Every structure is written in structure tokens, then in C-alpha cells.
Full PDB file with SEQRES, HELIX, SHEET, SSBOND, CRYST1, ORIGX, SCALE, CONECT and MASTER records, all heavy atoms in Angstrom:
SEQRES   1 A   38  ARG ALA GLY VAL LYS LYS GLY LYS MET ARG PRO ASP LYS          
SEQRES   2 A   38  VAL PHE LEU SER ALA VAL SER ALA GLY CYS LEU LEU SER          
SEQRES   3 A   38  PHE ALA GLY ALA VAL MET VAL SER VAL THR ALA ALA              
HELIX    1 AA1 ALA A    2  GLY A    7  1                                   6    
HELIX    2 AA2 PRO A   11  VAL A   35  1                                  25    
CRYST1    1.000    1.000    1.000  90.00  90.00  90.00 P 1           1          
ORIGX1      1.000000  0.000000  0.000000        0.00000                         
ORIGX2      0.000000  1.000000  0.000000        0.00000                         
ORIGX3      0.000000  0.000000  1.000000        0.00000                         
SCALE1      1.000000  0.000000  0.000000        0.00000                         
SCALE2      0.000000  1.000000  0.000000        0.00000                         
SCALE3      0.000000  0.000000  1.000000        0.00000                         
ATOM      1  N   ARG A   1     168.325  57.173 122.673  1.00  0.00           N  
ATOM      2  CA  ARG A   1     167.350  58.242 122.412  1.00  0.00           C  
ATOM      3  C   ARG A   1     167.006  58.323 120.925  1.00  0.00           C  
ATOM      4  O   ARG A   1     165.832  58.514 120.565  1.00  0.00           O  
ATOM      5  CB  ARG A   1     167.910  59.581 122.892  1.00  0.00           C  
ATOM      6  CG  ARG A   1     168.093  59.671 124.402  1.00  0.00           C  
ATOM      7  CD  ARG A   1     168.643  61.038 124.821  1.00  0.00           C  
ATOM      8  NE  ARG A   1     168.978  61.080 126.241  1.00  0.00           N  
ATOM      9  CZ  ARG A   1     169.423  62.164 126.872  1.00  0.00           C  
ATOM     10  NH1 ARG A   1     169.603  63.297 126.196  1.00  0.00           N  
ATOM     11  NH2 ARG A   1     169.694  62.111 128.172  1.00  0.00           N  
ATOM     12  N   ALA A   2     168.021  58.175 120.076  1.00  0.00           N  
ATOM     13  CA  ALA A   2     167.768  58.187 118.639  1.00  0.00           C  
ATOM     14  C   ALA A   2     166.906  56.996 118.228  1.00  0.00           C  
ATOM     15  O   ALA A   2     166.038  57.104 117.358  1.00  0.00           O  
ATOM     16  CB  ALA A   2     169.089  58.171 117.872  1.00  0.00           C  
ATOM     17  N   GLY A   3     167.141  55.839 118.868  1.00  0.00           N  
ATOM     18  CA  GLY A   3     166.339  54.660 118.567  1.00  0.00           C  
ATOM     19  C   GLY A   3     164.874  54.856 118.907  1.00  0.00           C  
ATOM     20  O   GLY A   3     163.987  54.409 118.173  1.00  0.00           O  
ATOM     21  N   VAL A   4     164.598  55.547 120.025  1.00  0.00           N  
ATOM     22  CA  VAL A   4     163.216  55.849 120.397  1.00  0.00           C  
ATOM     23  C   VAL A   4     162.579  56.751 119.346  1.00  0.00           C  
ATOM     24  O   VAL A   4     161.447  56.509 118.895  1.00  0.00           O  
ATOM     25  CB  VAL A   4     163.161  56.519 121.784  1.00  0.00           C  
ATOM     26  CG1 VAL A   4     161.732  56.943 122.104  1.00  0.00           C  
ATOM     27  CG2 VAL A   4     163.682  55.578 122.847  1.00  0.00           C  
ATOM     28  N   LYS A   5     163.308  57.786 118.954  1.00  0.00           N  
ATOM     29  CA  LYS A   5     162.783  58.725 117.968  1.00  0.00           C  
ATOM     30  C   LYS A   5     162.499  58.037 116.639  1.00  0.00           C  
ATOM     31  O   LYS A   5     161.455  58.245 116.016  1.00  0.00           O  
ATOM     32  CB  LYS A   5     163.779  59.879 117.765  1.00  0.00           C  
ATOM     33  CG  LYS A   5     163.295  60.946 116.805  1.00  0.00           C  
ATOM     34  CD  LYS A   5     164.298  62.090 116.704  1.00  0.00           C  
ATOM     35  CE  LYS A   5     163.794  63.158 115.739  1.00  0.00           C  
ATOM     36  NZ  LYS A   5     164.774  64.284 115.633  1.00  0.00           N  
ATOM     37  N   LYS A   6     163.428  57.188 116.207  1.00  0.00           N  
ATOM     38  CA  LYS A   6     163.232  56.471 114.948  1.00  0.00           C  
ATOM     39  C   LYS A   6     162.062  55.499 115.056  1.00  0.00           C  
ATOM     40  O   LYS A   6     161.232  55.401 114.143  1.00  0.00           O  
ATOM     41  CB  LYS A   6     164.517  55.714 114.586  1.00  0.00           C  
ATOM     42  CG  LYS A   6     165.673  56.592 114.144  1.00  0.00           C  
ATOM     43  CD  LYS A   6     166.938  55.768 113.906  1.00  0.00           C  
ATOM     44  CE  LYS A   6     168.089  56.644 113.433  1.00  0.00           C  
ATOM     45  NZ  LYS A   6     167.877  57.189 112.085  1.00  0.00           N  
ATOM     46  N   GLY A   7     161.997  54.759 116.169  1.00  0.00           N  
ATOM     47  CA  GLY A   7     160.968  53.750 116.322  1.00  0.00           C  
ATOM     48  C   GLY A   7     159.569  54.313 116.432  1.00  0.00           C  
ATOM     49  O   GLY A   7     158.595  53.606 116.154  1.00  0.00           O  
ATOM     50  N   LYS A   8     159.441  55.578 116.852  1.00  0.00           N  
ATOM     51  CA  LYS A   8     158.129  56.193 117.019  1.00  0.00           C  
ATOM     52  C   LYS A   8     157.765  57.128 115.869  1.00  0.00           C  
ATOM     53  O   LYS A   8     156.748  57.819 115.929  1.00  0.00           O  
ATOM     54  CB  LYS A   8     158.078  56.941 118.355  1.00  0.00           C  
ATOM     55  CG  LYS A   8     158.160  56.007 119.564  1.00  0.00           C  
ATOM     56  CD  LYS A   8     158.011  56.739 120.879  1.00  0.00           C  
ATOM     57  CE  LYS A   8     158.021  55.754 122.055  1.00  0.00           C  
ATOM     58  NZ  LYS A   8     157.869  56.448 123.360  1.00  0.00           N  
ATOM     59  N   MET A   9     158.594  57.154 114.838  1.00  0.00           N  
ATOM     60  CA  MET A   9     158.299  57.976 113.675  1.00  0.00           C  
ATOM     61  C   MET A   9     157.111  57.406 112.902  1.00  0.00           C  
ATOM     62  O   MET A   9     156.867  56.193 112.921  1.00  0.00           O  
ATOM     63  CB  MET A   9     159.533  58.032 112.756  1.00  0.00           C  
ATOM     64  CG  MET A   9     159.467  59.117 111.687  1.00  0.00           C  
ATOM     65  SD  MET A   9     160.840  59.006 110.490  1.00  0.00           S  
ATOM     66  CE  MET A   9     162.251  58.931 111.562  1.00  0.00           C  
ATOM     67  N   ARG A  10     156.365  58.251 112.228  1.00  0.00           N  
ATOM     68  CA  ARG A  10     155.243  57.797 111.406  1.00  0.00           C  
ATOM     69  C   ARG A  10     155.720  56.811 110.349  1.00  0.00           C  
ATOM     70  O   ARG A  10     156.762  57.034 109.725  1.00  0.00           O  
ATOM     71  CB  ARG A  10     154.578  58.984 110.714  1.00  0.00           C  
ATOM     72  CG  ARG A  10     153.487  59.626 111.504  1.00  0.00           C  
ATOM     73  CD  ARG A  10     152.842  60.802 110.841  1.00  0.00           C  
ATOM     74  NE  ARG A  10     153.051  60.911 109.404  1.00  0.00           N  
ATOM     75  CZ  ARG A  10     153.052  62.074 108.748  1.00  0.00           C  
ATOM     76  NH1 ARG A  10     152.915  63.206 109.418  1.00  0.00           N  
ATOM     77  NH2 ARG A  10     153.222  62.115 107.450  1.00  0.00           N  
ATOM     78  N   PRO A  11     154.982  55.709 110.113  1.00  0.00           N  
ATOM     79  CA  PRO A  11     155.430  54.682 109.162  1.00  0.00           C  
ATOM     80  C   PRO A  11     155.720  55.211 107.761  1.00  0.00           C  
ATOM     81  O   PRO A  11     156.686  54.779 107.125  1.00  0.00           O  
ATOM     82  CB  PRO A  11     154.261  53.686 109.144  1.00  0.00           C  
ATOM     83  CG  PRO A  11     153.643  53.821 110.498  1.00  0.00           C  
ATOM     84  CD  PRO A  11     153.773  55.274 110.848  1.00  0.00           C  
ATOM     85  N   ASP A  12     154.917  56.149 107.273  1.00  0.00           N  
ATOM     86  CA  ASP A  12     155.160  56.673 105.927  1.00  0.00           C  
ATOM     87  C   ASP A  12     156.476  57.432 105.856  1.00  0.00           C  
ATOM     88  O   ASP A  12     157.211  57.352 104.866  1.00  0.00           O  
ATOM     89  CB  ASP A  12     154.004  57.565 105.471  1.00  0.00           C  
ATOM     90  CG  ASP A  12     153.795  58.762 106.389  1.00  0.00           C  
ATOM     91  OD1 ASP A  12     153.728  58.568 107.621  1.00  0.00           O  
ATOM     92  OD2 ASP A  12     153.714  59.904 105.878  1.00  0.00           O  
ATOM     93  N   LYS A  13     156.801  58.148 106.937  1.00  0.00           N  
ATOM     94  CA  LYS A  13     158.070  58.872 106.969  1.00  0.00           C  
ATOM     95  C   LYS A  13     159.251  57.911 107.074  1.00  0.00           C  
ATOM     96  O   LYS A  13     160.306  58.142 106.467  1.00  0.00           O  
ATOM     97  CB  LYS A  13     158.092  59.863 108.145  1.00  0.00           C  
ATOM     98  CG  LYS A  13     157.223  61.085 107.939  1.00  0.00           C  
ATOM     99  CD  LYS A  13     157.527  62.147 108.988  1.00  0.00           C  
ATOM    100  CE  LYS A  13     156.818  63.452 108.656  1.00  0.00           C  
ATOM    101  NZ  LYS A  13     157.188  64.545 109.593  1.00  0.00           N  
ATOM    102  N   VAL A  14     159.078  56.841 107.853  1.00  0.00           N  
ATOM    103  CA  VAL A  14     160.144  55.841 107.967  1.00  0.00           C  
ATOM    104  C   VAL A  14     160.435  55.249 106.593  1.00  0.00           C  
ATOM    105  O   VAL A  14     161.598  55.119 106.180  1.00  0.00           O  
ATOM    106  CB  VAL A  14     159.758  54.722 108.951  1.00  0.00           C  
ATOM    107  CG1 VAL A  14     160.807  53.619 108.933  1.00  0.00           C  
ATOM    108  CG2 VAL A  14     159.604  55.276 110.357  1.00  0.00           C  
ATOM    109  N   PHE A  15     159.386  54.888 105.870  1.00  0.00           N  
ATOM    110  CA  PHE A  15     159.576  54.260 104.565  1.00  0.00           C  
ATOM    111  C   PHE A  15     160.269  55.207 103.592  1.00  0.00           C  
ATOM    112  O   PHE A  15     161.226  54.819 102.908  1.00  0.00           O  
ATOM    113  CB  PHE A  15     158.228  53.816 103.991  1.00  0.00           C  
ATOM    114  CG  PHE A  15     158.343  53.110 102.665  1.00  0.00           C  
ATOM    115  CD1 PHE A  15     158.738  51.773 102.609  1.00  0.00           C  
ATOM    116  CD2 PHE A  15     158.075  53.765 101.479  1.00  0.00           C  
ATOM    117  CE1 PHE A  15     158.858  51.118 101.390  1.00  0.00           C  
ATOM    118  CE2 PHE A  15     158.193  53.127 100.257  1.00  0.00           C  
ATOM    119  CZ  PHE A  15     158.587  51.792 100.218  1.00  0.00           C  
ATOM    120  N   LEU A  16     159.820  56.458 103.533  1.00  0.00           N  
ATOM    121  CA  LEU A  16     160.435  57.411 102.617  1.00  0.00           C  
ATOM    122  C   LEU A  16     161.881  57.708 103.015  1.00  0.00           C  
ATOM    123  O   LEU A  16     162.757  57.858 102.150  1.00  0.00           O  
ATOM    124  CB  LEU A  16     159.622  58.709 102.583  1.00  0.00           C  
ATOM    125  CG  LEU A  16     158.259  58.612 101.902  1.00  0.00           C  
ATOM    126  CD1 LEU A  16     157.497  59.926 102.047  1.00  0.00           C  
ATOM    127  CD2 LEU A  16     158.408  58.252 100.425  1.00  0.00           C  
ATOM    128  N   SER A  17     162.132  57.786 104.310  1.00  0.00           N  
ATOM    129  CA  SER A  17     163.502  57.988 104.789  1.00  0.00           C  
ATOM    130  C   SER A  17     164.380  56.817 104.380  1.00  0.00           C  
ATOM    131  O   SER A  17     165.550  56.998 104.001  1.00  0.00           O  
ATOM    132  CB  SER A  17     163.493  58.149 106.308  1.00  0.00           C  
ATOM    133  OG  SER A  17     164.795  58.305 106.817  1.00  0.00           O  
ATOM    134  N   ALA A  18     163.832  55.611 104.441  1.00  0.00           N  
ATOM    135  CA  ALA A  18     164.585  54.424 104.047  1.00  0.00           C  
ATOM    136  C   ALA A  18     164.819  54.387 102.540  1.00  0.00           C  
ATOM    137  O   ALA A  18     165.879  53.939 102.075  1.00  0.00           O  
ATOM    138  CB  ALA A  18     163.841  53.167 104.493  1.00  0.00           C  
ATOM    139  N   VAL A  19     163.845  54.845 101.768  1.00  0.00           N  
ATOM    140  CA  VAL A  19     164.043  54.940 100.318  1.00  0.00           C  
ATOM    141  C   VAL A  19     165.221  55.861 100.018  1.00  0.00           C  
ATOM    142  O   VAL A  19     166.082  55.555  99.184  1.00  0.00           O  
ATOM    143  CB  VAL A  19     162.764  55.455  99.621  1.00  0.00           C  
ATOM    144  CG1 VAL A  19     163.040  55.790  98.149  1.00  0.00           C  
ATOM    145  CG2 VAL A  19     161.648  54.419  99.708  1.00  0.00           C  
ATOM    146  N   SER A  20     165.260  57.000 100.705  1.00  0.00           N  
ATOM    147  CA  SER A  20     166.369  57.936 100.524  1.00  0.00           C  
ATOM    148  C   SER A  20     167.704  57.278 100.853  1.00  0.00           C  
ATOM    149  O   SER A  20     168.687  57.438 100.118  1.00  0.00           O  
ATOM    150  CB  SER A  20     166.159  59.161 101.405  1.00  0.00           C  
ATOM    151  OG  SER A  20     167.283  60.023 101.373  1.00  0.00           O  
ATOM    152  N   ALA A  21     167.749  56.533 101.956  1.00  0.00           N  
ATOM    153  CA  ALA A  21     168.999  55.865 102.352  1.00  0.00           C  
ATOM    154  C   ALA A  21     169.433  54.852 101.291  1.00  0.00           C  
ATOM    155  O   ALA A  21     170.620  54.754 100.965  1.00  0.00           O  
ATOM    156  CB  ALA A  21     168.822  55.168 103.701  1.00  0.00           C  
ATOM    157  N   GLY A  22     168.488  54.093 100.744  1.00  0.00           N  
ATOM    158  CA  GLY A  22     168.829  53.142  99.695  1.00  0.00           C  
ATOM    159  C   GLY A  22     169.396  53.826  98.468  1.00  0.00           C  
ATOM    160  O   GLY A  22     170.350  53.336  97.847  1.00  0.00           O  
ATOM    161  N   CYS A  23     168.821  54.972  98.118  1.00  0.00           N  
ATOM    162  CA  CYS A  23     169.323  55.731  96.961  1.00  0.00           C  
ATOM    163  C   CYS A  23     170.750  56.217  97.205  1.00  0.00           C  
ATOM    164  O   CYS A  23     171.630  56.073  96.345  1.00  0.00           O  
ATOM    165  CB  CYS A  23     168.409  56.925  96.686  1.00  0.00           C  
ATOM    166  SG  CYS A  23     166.750  56.507  96.105  1.00  0.00           S  
ATOM    167  N   LEU A  24     170.975  56.809  98.379  1.00  0.00           N  
ATOM    168  CA  LEU A  24     172.295  57.371  98.676  1.00  0.00           C  
ATOM    169  C   LEU A  24     173.372  56.293  98.725  1.00  0.00           C  
ATOM    170  O   LEU A  24     174.484  56.484  98.214  1.00  0.00           O  
ATOM    171  CB  LEU A  24     172.247  58.131  99.999  1.00  0.00           C  
ATOM    172  CG  LEU A  24     171.341  59.366 100.034  1.00  0.00           C  
ATOM    173  CD1 LEU A  24     171.316  59.982 101.428  1.00  0.00           C  
ATOM    174  CD2 LEU A  24     171.785  60.401  99.007  1.00  0.00           C  
ATOM    175  N   LEU A  25     173.047  55.151  99.325  1.00  0.00           N  
ATOM    176  CA  LEU A  25     174.042  54.089  99.402  1.00  0.00           C  
ATOM    177  C   LEU A  25     174.317  53.497  98.024  1.00  0.00           C  
ATOM    178  O   LEU A  25     175.433  53.049  97.742  1.00  0.00           O  
ATOM    179  CB  LEU A  25     173.589  52.993 100.365  1.00  0.00           C  
ATOM    180  CG  LEU A  25     174.721  52.119 100.922  1.00  0.00           C  
ATOM    181  CD1 LEU A  25     175.668  52.952 101.780  1.00  0.00           C  
ATOM    182  CD2 LEU A  25     174.177  50.954 101.731  1.00  0.00           C  
ATOM    183  N   SER A  26     173.323  53.520  97.150  1.00  0.00           N  
ATOM    184  CA  SER A  26     173.526  53.025  95.784  1.00  0.00           C  
ATOM    185  C   SER A  26     174.496  53.917  95.011  1.00  0.00           C  
ATOM    186  O   SER A  26     175.316  53.423  94.235  1.00  0.00           O  
ATOM    187  CB  SER A  26     172.191  52.945  95.044  1.00  0.00           C  
ATOM    188  OG  SER A  26     171.369  51.944  95.612  1.00  0.00           O  
ATOM    189  N   PHE A  27     174.395  55.217  95.216  1.00  0.00           N  
ATOM    190  CA  PHE A  27     175.364  56.108  94.571  1.00  0.00           C  
ATOM    191  C   PHE A  27     176.785  55.792  95.044  1.00  0.00           C  
ATOM    192  O   PHE A  27     177.728  55.784  94.247  1.00  0.00           O  
ATOM    193  CB  PHE A  27     175.023  57.571  94.864  1.00  0.00           C  
ATOM    194  CG  PHE A  27     173.874  58.101  94.055  1.00  0.00           C  
ATOM    195  CD1 PHE A  27     172.705  58.506  94.662  1.00  0.00           C  
ATOM    196  CD2 PHE A  27     173.960  58.180  92.672  1.00  0.00           C  
ATOM    197  CE1 PHE A  27     171.638  58.995  93.910  1.00  0.00           C  
ATOM    198  CE2 PHE A  27     172.903  58.668  91.905  1.00  0.00           C  
ATOM    199  CZ  PHE A  27     171.736  59.076  92.537  1.00  0.00           C  
ATOM    200  N   ALA A  28     176.931  55.527  96.342  1.00  0.00           N  
ATOM    201  CA  ALA A  28     178.254  55.174  96.866  1.00  0.00           C  
ATOM    202  C   ALA A  28     178.742  53.859  96.267  1.00  0.00           C  
ATOM    203  O   ALA A  28     179.923  53.715  95.922  1.00  0.00           O  
ATOM    204  CB  ALA A  28     178.211  55.072  98.389  1.00  0.00           C  
ATOM    205  N   GLY A  29     177.834  52.890  96.128  1.00  0.00           N  
ATOM    206  CA  GLY A  29     178.205  51.617  95.519  1.00  0.00           C  
ATOM    207  C   GLY A  29     178.640  51.788  94.079  1.00  0.00           C  
ATOM    208  O   GLY A  29     179.594  51.146  93.620  1.00  0.00           O  
ATOM    209  N   ALA A  30     177.953  52.667  93.368  1.00  0.00           N  
ATOM    210  CA  ALA A  30     178.313  52.911  91.970  1.00  0.00           C  
ATOM    211  C   ALA A  30     179.686  53.573  91.862  1.00  0.00           C  
ATOM    212  O   ALA A  30     180.475  53.254  90.964  1.00  0.00           O  
ATOM    213  CB  ALA A  30     177.251  53.790  91.310  1.00  0.00           C  
ATOM    214  N   VAL A  31     179.973  54.494  92.780  1.00  0.00           N  
ATOM    215  CA  VAL A  31     181.298  55.120  92.798  1.00  0.00           C  
ATOM    216  C   VAL A  31     182.372  54.062  93.031  1.00  0.00           C  
ATOM    217  O   VAL A  31     183.421  54.052  92.379  1.00  0.00           O  
ATOM    218  CB  VAL A  31     181.367  56.217  93.878  1.00  0.00           C  
ATOM    219  CG1 VAL A  31     182.809  56.716  94.037  1.00  0.00           C  
ATOM    220  CG2 VAL A  31     180.457  57.371  93.521  1.00  0.00           C  
ATOM    221  N   MET A  32     182.103  53.149  93.969  1.00  0.00           N  
ATOM    222  CA  MET A  32     183.074  52.106  94.266  1.00  0.00           C  
ATOM    223  C   MET A  32     183.330  51.227  93.042  1.00  0.00           C  
ATOM    224  O   MET A  32     184.475  50.869  92.745  1.00  0.00           O  
ATOM    225  CB  MET A  32     182.591  51.240  95.432  1.00  0.00           C  
ATOM    226  CG  MET A  32     183.612  50.212  95.888  1.00  0.00           C  
ATOM    227  SD  MET A  32     182.940  49.019  97.066  1.00  0.00           S  
ATOM    228  CE  MET A  32     181.862  48.058  95.999  1.00  0.00           C  
ATOM    229  N   VAL A  33     182.276  50.874  92.315  1.00  0.00           N  
ATOM    230  CA  VAL A  33     182.441  50.074  91.095  1.00  0.00           C  
ATOM    231  C   VAL A  33     183.313  50.819  90.092  1.00  0.00           C  
ATOM    232  O   VAL A  33     184.217  50.248  89.475  1.00  0.00           O  
ATOM    233  CB  VAL A  33     181.072  49.737  90.473  1.00  0.00           C  
ATOM    234  CG1 VAL A  33     181.242  49.127  89.080  1.00  0.00           C  
ATOM    235  CG2 VAL A  33     180.299  48.772  91.367  1.00  0.00           C  
ATOM    236  N   SER A  34     183.050  52.107  89.938  1.00  0.00           N  
ATOM    237  CA  SER A  34     183.782  52.904  88.940  1.00  0.00           C  
ATOM    238  C   SER A  34     185.270  53.004  89.249  1.00  0.00           C  
ATOM    239  O   SER A  34     186.114  52.817  88.373  1.00  0.00           O  
ATOM    240  CB  SER A  34     183.179  54.315  88.856  1.00  0.00           C  
ATOM    241  OG  SER A  34     181.858  54.273  88.360  1.00  0.00           O  
ATOM    242  N   VAL A  35     185.601  53.290  90.517  1.00  0.00           N  
ATOM    243  CA  VAL A  35     187.013  53.519  90.841  1.00  0.00           C  
ATOM    244  C   VAL A  35     187.810  52.220  90.940  1.00  0.00           C  
ATOM    245  O   VAL A  35     189.041  52.255  90.914  1.00  0.00           O  
ATOM    246  CB  VAL A  35     187.167  54.331  92.143  1.00  0.00           C  
ATOM    247  CG1 VAL A  35     186.471  55.682  92.028  1.00  0.00           C  
ATOM    248  CG2 VAL A  35     186.646  53.553  93.343  1.00  0.00           C  
ATOM    249  N   THR A  36     187.125  51.094  91.079  1.00  0.00           N  
ATOM    250  CA  THR A  36     187.854  49.822  91.179  1.00  0.00           C  
ATOM    251  C   THR A  36     187.869  49.055  89.859  1.00  0.00           C  
ATOM    252  O   THR A  36     188.363  47.920  89.813  1.00  0.00           O  
ATOM    253  CB  THR A  36     187.235  48.922  92.275  1.00  0.00           C  
ATOM    254  OG1 THR A  36     185.846  48.698  91.988  1.00  0.00           O  
ATOM    255  CG2 THR A  36     187.376  49.571  93.643  1.00  0.00           C  
ATOM    256  N   ALA A  37     187.333  49.661  88.804  1.00  0.00           N  
ATOM    257  CA  ALA A  37     187.316  49.000  87.491  1.00  0.00           C  
ATOM    258  C   ALA A  37     188.696  49.109  86.845  1.00  0.00           C  
ATOM    259  O   ALA A  37     188.920  49.885  85.916  1.00  0.00           O  
ATOM    260  CB  ALA A  37     186.249  49.620  86.592  1.00  0.00           C  
ATOM    261  N   ALA A  38     189.624  48.326  87.358  1.00  0.00           N  
ATOM    262  CA  ALA A  38     191.005  48.341  86.872  1.00  0.00           C  
ATOM    263  C   ALA A  38     191.499  46.891  86.820  1.00  0.00           C  
ATOM    264  O   ALA A  38     192.039  46.381  87.802  1.00  0.00           O  
ATOM    265  CB  ALA A  38     191.882  49.187  87.799  1.00  0.00           C  
TER     266      ALA A  38                                                      
MASTER        0    0    0    2    0    0    0    6  265    1    0    3          
END                                                                             
């Protein structure tokens, strides 16, 4: 059901939602770099 909802979302909203996901995952990646710098 979630796949249907995502697949039928407006393209502009999908793209902006994906931009947000890329930003959030980058913050997590940066945290990982910081805590493993030993």
C-alpha cells in the first residue's frame, strides 16, 4: 500500500522528498565519520 502511495505521488513532491532523504542520510554519515575518527 505504501508503494502505491509513493508511486502515485506527484513527481515534484517525490523529488523534494528524495532531496530531504539525501540530506538526512548525509547528516548520519557525517556523524559516523566523526565518532569513528580514532
